[in-house]
Amino acid sequence: MEQYSDVRPQSNRARNLTHTSALEVSLQGALDALGDPIRRRIVRELAGVPDWTRACGTFNDLPVAKSTLSHHFSVLRNVGLLEQRDEGARRLNRLRRAEFDDRFPGLLSLVLAEE
């Protein structure tokens, strides 16, 4: 007799999400990630909204292709600045400000204050 599990397997898309601890990131890696104006804009926009309320698909006003935007999200995730989770067809984002501030005190404040 076959048994069925109530737990659904993760999609390939969700399995590909890896999140780096800010403790594993070098200062140079953090500066490289934040050196790009598109990534700084993503960080600023996420800092202005509650966690898990902004989906990747809502960043339509950025002047880059969807594939390039995906790359920028990946870079931010790989330096411990961003956490993502899939909710249905949407990928939601959370700025990992506290974790990043613990590792690099004051760095995000400078980025967020920049106009």
C-alpha atoms as a PDB file:
ATOM      1  CA  MET A   1       0.000   0.000   0.000  1.00  0.00           C
ATOM      2  CA  GLU A   2       1.383   3.393  -1.014  1.00  0.00           C
ATOM      3  CA  GLN A   3       1.585   6.162   1.537  1.00  0.00           C
ATOM      4  CA  TYR A   4       1.210   9.807   0.671  1.00  0.00           C
ATOM      5  CA  SER A   5       2.857  12.611   2.518  1.00  0.00           C
ATOM      6  CA  ASP A   6       1.157  15.920   3.212  1.00  0.00           C
ATOM      7  CA  VAL A   7       4.503  17.625   2.750  1.00  0.00           C
ATOM      8  CA  ARG A   8       5.005  18.822  -0.789  1.00  0.00           C
ATOM      9  CA  PRO A   9       8.513  18.699  -2.202  1.00  0.00           C
ATOM     10  CA  GLN A  10      10.158  22.041  -2.780  1.00  0.00           C
ATOM     11  CA  SER A  11      10.270  23.252  -6.336  1.00  0.00           C
ATOM     12  CA  ASN A  12      13.629  23.419  -8.072  1.00  0.00           C
ATOM     13  CA  ARG A  13      13.331  27.172  -7.848  1.00  0.00           C
ATOM     14  CA  ALA A  14      13.014  27.103  -4.046  1.00  0.00           C
ATOM     15  CA  ARG A  15      15.784  24.518  -3.663  1.00  0.00           C
ATOM     16  CA  ASN A  16      18.177  26.837  -5.481  1.00  0.00           C
ATOM     17  CA  LEU A  17      17.849  29.551  -2.827  1.00  0.00           C
ATOM     18  CA  THR A  18      20.920  29.708  -0.641  1.00  0.00           C
ATOM     19  CA  HIS A  19      21.370  32.285   2.070  1.00  0.00           C
ATOM     20  CA  THR A  20      24.809  33.319   3.239  1.00  0.00           C
ATOM     21  CA  SER A  21      25.396  34.346   6.808  1.00  0.00           C
ATOM     22  CA  ALA A  22      26.695  37.902   7.093  1.00  0.00           C
ATOM     23  CA  LEU A  23      29.437  36.454   9.325  1.00  0.00           C
ATOM     24  CA  GLU A  24      30.868  34.681   6.265  1.00  0.00           C
ATOM     25  CA  VAL A  25      31.105  37.845   4.162  1.00  0.00           C
ATOM     26  CA  SER A  26      34.254  39.922   3.818  1.00  0.00           C
ATOM     27  CA  LEU A  27      34.161  43.694   3.948  1.00  0.00           C
ATOM     28  CA  GLN A  28      35.303  43.742   0.319  1.00  0.00           C
ATOM     29  CA  GLY A  29      32.403  41.465  -0.665  1.00  0.00           C
ATOM     30  CA  ALA A  30      29.931  43.737   1.114  1.00  0.00           C
ATOM     31  CA  LEU A  31      31.390  46.849  -0.502  1.00  0.00           C
ATOM     32  CA  ASP A  32      31.366  45.223  -3.939  1.00  0.00           C
ATOM     33  CA  ALA A  33      27.692  44.295  -3.535  1.00  0.00           C
ATOM     34  CA  LEU A  34      26.737  47.755  -2.331  1.00  0.00           C
ATOM     35  CA  GLY A  35      28.863  49.473  -4.963  1.00  0.00           C
ATOM     36  CA  ASP A  36      26.238  48.968  -7.644  1.00  0.00           C
ATOM     37  CA  PRO A  37      23.556  51.694  -7.817  1.00  0.00           C
ATOM     38  CA  ILE A  38      20.773  49.224  -8.717  1.00  0.00           C
ATOM     39  CA  ARG A  39      21.576  47.063  -5.687  1.00  0.00           C
ATOM     40  CA  ARG A  40      21.704  50.128  -3.425  1.00  0.00           C
ATOM     41  CA  ARG A  41      18.285  51.112  -4.719  1.00  0.00           C
ATOM     42  CA  ILE A  42      16.909  47.623  -3.997  1.00  0.00           C
ATOM     43  CA  VAL A  43      18.317  47.820  -0.467  1.00  0.00           C
ATOM     44  CA  ARG A  44      16.825  51.280   0.101  1.00  0.00           C
ATOM     45  CA  GLU A  45      13.418  50.194  -1.160  1.00  0.00           C
ATOM     46  CA  LEU A  46      13.421  47.080   1.043  1.00  0.00           C
ATOM     47  CA  ALA A  47      14.477  49.139   4.059  1.00  0.00           C
ATOM     48  CA  GLY A  48      11.312  51.219   3.651  1.00  0.00           C
ATOM     49  CA  VAL A  49       8.807  48.351   3.827  1.00  0.00           C
ATOM     50  CA  PRO A  50       7.933  45.648   6.387  1.00  0.00           C
ATOM     51  CA  ASP A  51       9.650  42.273   6.026  1.00  0.00           C
ATOM     52  CA  TRP A  52       8.225  39.856   3.475  1.00  0.00           C
ATOM     53  CA  THR A  53       5.939  42.427   1.823  1.00  0.00           C
ATOM     54  CA  ARG A  54       7.943  43.156  -1.323  1.00  0.00           C
ATOM     55  CA  ALA A  55       8.085  40.605  -4.131  1.00  0.00           C
ATOM     56  CA  CYS A  56      10.823  40.584  -6.758  1.00  0.00           C
ATOM     57  CA  GLY A  57       8.250  41.206  -9.474  1.00  0.00           C
ATOM     58  CA  THR A  58       7.296  44.555  -7.946  1.00  0.00           C
ATOM     59  CA  PHE A  59      10.627  46.182  -8.807  1.00  0.00           C
ATOM     60  CA  ASN A  60       9.375  47.081 -12.295  1.00  0.00           C
ATOM     61  CA  ASP A  61      10.659  50.643 -12.158  1.00  0.00           C
ATOM     62  CA  LEU A  62      14.335  49.635 -12.222  1.00  0.00           C
ATOM     63  CA  PRO A  63      16.055  50.198 -15.588  1.00  0.00           C
ATOM     64  CA  VAL A  64      17.334  46.621 -16.021  1.00  0.00           C
ATOM     65  CA  ALA A  65      16.107  43.426 -17.644  1.00  0.00           C
ATOM     66  CA  LYS A  66      14.409  40.800 -15.495  1.00  0.00           C
ATOM     67  CA  SER A  67      17.429  38.485 -15.783  1.00  0.00           C
ATOM     68  CA  THR A  68      19.765  41.273 -14.638  1.00  0.00           C
ATOM     69  CA  LEU A  69      17.466  42.049 -11.730  1.00  0.00           C
ATOM     70  CA  SER A  70      17.589  38.372 -10.726  1.00  0.00           C
ATOM     71  CA  HIS A  71      21.381  38.613 -10.724  1.00  0.00           C
ATOM     72  CA  HIS A  72      21.262  41.665  -8.443  1.00  0.00           C
ATOM     73  CA  PHE A  73      18.990  39.837  -5.984  1.00  0.00           C
ATOM     74  CA  SER A  74      21.380  36.878  -6.027  1.00  0.00           C
ATOM     75  CA  VAL A  75      24.377  39.097  -5.261  1.00  0.00           C
ATOM     76  CA  LEU A  76      22.546  40.692  -2.324  1.00  0.00           C
ATOM     77  CA  ARG A  77      21.507  37.267  -1.042  1.00  0.00           C
ATOM     78  CA  ASN A  78      25.072  35.949  -1.363  1.00  0.00           C
ATOM     79  CA  VAL A  79      26.503  38.702   0.854  1.00  0.00           C
ATOM     80  CA  GLY A  80      23.930  38.170   3.579  1.00  0.00           C
ATOM     81  CA  LEU A  81      21.938  41.344   2.917  1.00  0.00           C
ATOM     82  CA  LEU A  82      18.810  39.715   1.624  1.00  0.00           C
ATOM     83  CA  GLU A  83      16.675  36.759   2.563  1.00  0.00           C
ATOM     84  CA  GLN A  84      14.134  35.426   0.112  1.00  0.00           C
ATOM     85  CA  ARG A  85      11.311  32.933   0.313  1.00  0.00           C
ATOM     86  CA  ASP A  86       8.864  31.634  -2.236  1.00  0.00           C
ATOM     87  CA  GLU A  87       5.181  32.094  -1.601  1.00  0.00           C
ATOM     88  CA  GLY A  88       3.216  30.611  -4.456  1.00  0.00           C
ATOM     89  CA  ALA A  89       4.463  32.166  -7.667  1.00  0.00           C
ATOM     90  CA  ARG A  90       5.982  35.138  -5.849  1.00  0.00           C
ATOM     91  CA  ARG A  91       9.434  35.450  -4.329  1.00  0.00           C
ATOM     92  CA  LEU A  92       9.304  37.679  -1.270  1.00  0.00           C
ATOM     93  CA  ASN A  93      12.233  39.578   0.190  1.00  0.00           C
ATOM     94  CA  ARG A  94      13.482  40.615   3.595  1.00  0.00           C
ATOM     95  CA  LEU A  95      16.386  42.947   4.243  1.00  0.00           C
ATOM     96  CA  ARG A  96      18.603  41.289   6.852  1.00  0.00           C
ATOM     97  CA  ARG A  97      19.525  44.612   8.388  1.00  0.00           C
ATOM     98  CA  ALA A  98      20.130  43.483  11.966  1.00  0.00           C
ATOM     99  CA  GLU A  99      22.423  40.639  10.905  1.00  0.00           C
ATOM    100  CA  PHE A 100      24.308  42.868   8.478  1.00  0.00           C
ATOM    101  CA  ASP A 101      24.585  45.704  11.020  1.00  0.00           C
ATOM    102  CA  ASP A 102      26.087  43.277  13.535  1.00  0.00           C
ATOM    103  CA  ARG A 103      28.777  42.315  11.006  1.00  0.00           C
ATOM    104  CA  PHE A 104      29.386  45.765   9.489  1.00  0.00           C
ATOM    105  CA  PRO A 105      28.179  48.429  11.978  1.00  0.00           C
ATOM    106  CA  GLY A 106      27.143  51.665  10.285  1.00  0.00           C
ATOM    107  CA  LEU A 107      27.633  50.502   6.694  1.00  0.00           C
ATOM    108  CA  LEU A 108      23.938  50.145   5.868  1.00  0.00           C
ATOM    109  CA  SER A 109      23.149  53.432   7.592  1.00  0.00           C
ATOM    110  CA  LEU A 110      25.544  55.159   5.197  1.00  0.00           C
ATOM    111  CA  VAL A 111      23.961  53.452   2.197  1.00  0.00           C
ATOM    112  CA  LEU A 112      20.441  54.270   3.326  1.00  0.00           C
ATOM    113  CA  ALA A 113      21.313  57.909   4.039  1.00  0.00           C
ATOM    114  CA  GLU A 114      22.803  58.426   0.560  1.00  0.00           C
ATOM    115  CA  GLU A 115      20.594  60.269  -1.896  1.00  0.00           C
END
